[in-house]
Amino acid sequence: MKVNLKNLRCERGLSQAALAKKAQVAQSSICYLESGQKNPSVRMAIKLAKALEVDLTTLIES
């Protein structure tokens, strides 16, 4: 997921802070997810997919 998250975020011209605000999650969470240090909860993955305007499978594909 880490590669997809970063690629999707960058394709949309969003900073980590902007995505965090849009998804209503902590910016540190975005950093941890993109670096592969943590995996998202189902709830967080859904929020991120909505914020990025993609379906959940697109976000979590490796």
Protein backbone atom coordinates (compact mmCIF):
# COMPACT_ATOMS: atom_id res chain seq x y z
CA MET A 1 0.00 0.00 0.00
CA LYS A 2 2.83 2.40 0.72
CA VAL A 3 3.74 2.84 -2.95
CA ASN A 4 0.13 3.28 -4.06
CA LEU A 5 -0.62 5.79 -1.33
CA LYS A 6 2.34 7.98 -2.18
CA ASN A 7 1.78 7.70 -5.95
CA LEU A 8 -1.92 8.50 -5.67
CA ARG A 9 -1.20 11.42 -3.35
CA CYS A 10 1.49 12.85 -5.64
CA GLU A 11 -0.65 12.37 -8.77
CA ARG A 12 -3.25 14.58 -7.12
CA GLY A 13 -0.71 17.21 -6.13
CA LEU A 14 -1.34 16.73 -2.42
CA SER A 15 1.21 17.07 0.33
CA GLN A 16 1.09 14.66 3.25
CA ALA A 17 -0.43 17.46 5.34
CA ALA A 18 -3.11 18.22 2.75
CA LEU A 19 -4.09 14.56 2.42
CA ALA A 20 -4.18 14.17 6.19
CA LYS A 21 -6.49 17.16 6.51
CA LYS A 22 -8.75 15.97 3.69
CA ALA A 23 -8.97 12.45 5.18
CA GLN A 24 -9.22 13.75 8.75
CA VAL A 25 -6.25 11.72 9.98
CA ALA A 26 -2.93 12.70 11.55
CA GLN A 27 -0.13 13.72 9.20
CA SER A 28 2.18 11.36 11.07
CA SER A 29 -0.14 8.51 10.07
CA ILE A 30 0.40 9.33 6.38
CA CYS A 31 4.15 9.38 6.95
CA TYR A 32 4.10 5.99 8.73
CA LEU A 33 1.92 4.44 6.03
CA GLU A 34 4.04 5.71 3.15
CA SER A 35 7.23 4.50 4.79
CA GLY A 36 5.72 1.08 5.46
CA GLN A 37 6.16 1.39 9.22
CA LYS A 38 2.46 0.82 9.89
CA ASN A 39 -0.60 -0.61 8.19
CA PRO A 40 -3.89 1.31 8.17
CA SER A 41 -6.99 0.22 9.97
CA VAL A 42 -9.97 -0.51 7.74
CA ARG A 43 -11.53 2.77 8.82
CA MET A 44 -8.40 4.75 7.94
CA ALA A 45 -8.04 3.02 4.57
CA ILE A 46 -11.64 3.95 3.72
CA LYS A 47 -11.03 7.59 4.72
CA LEU A 48 -7.89 7.73 2.59
CA ALA A 49 -9.60 6.17 -0.42
CA LYS A 50 -12.43 8.70 -0.17
CA ALA A 51 -9.98 11.60 0.20
CA LEU A 52 -8.05 10.40 -2.85
CA GLU A 53 -11.28 9.73 -4.76
CA VAL A 54 -10.39 6.11 -5.56
CA ASP A 55 -11.96 2.82 -4.60
CA LEU A 56 -10.46 0.87 -1.74
CA THR A 57 -8.98 -1.86 -3.96
CA THR A 58 -7.04 0.73 -5.98
CA LEU A 59 -5.53 2.10 -2.79
CA ILE A 60 -4.49 -1.23 -1.31
CA GLU A 61 -3.21 -2.96 -4.46
CA SER A 62 0.52 -3.60 -4.31
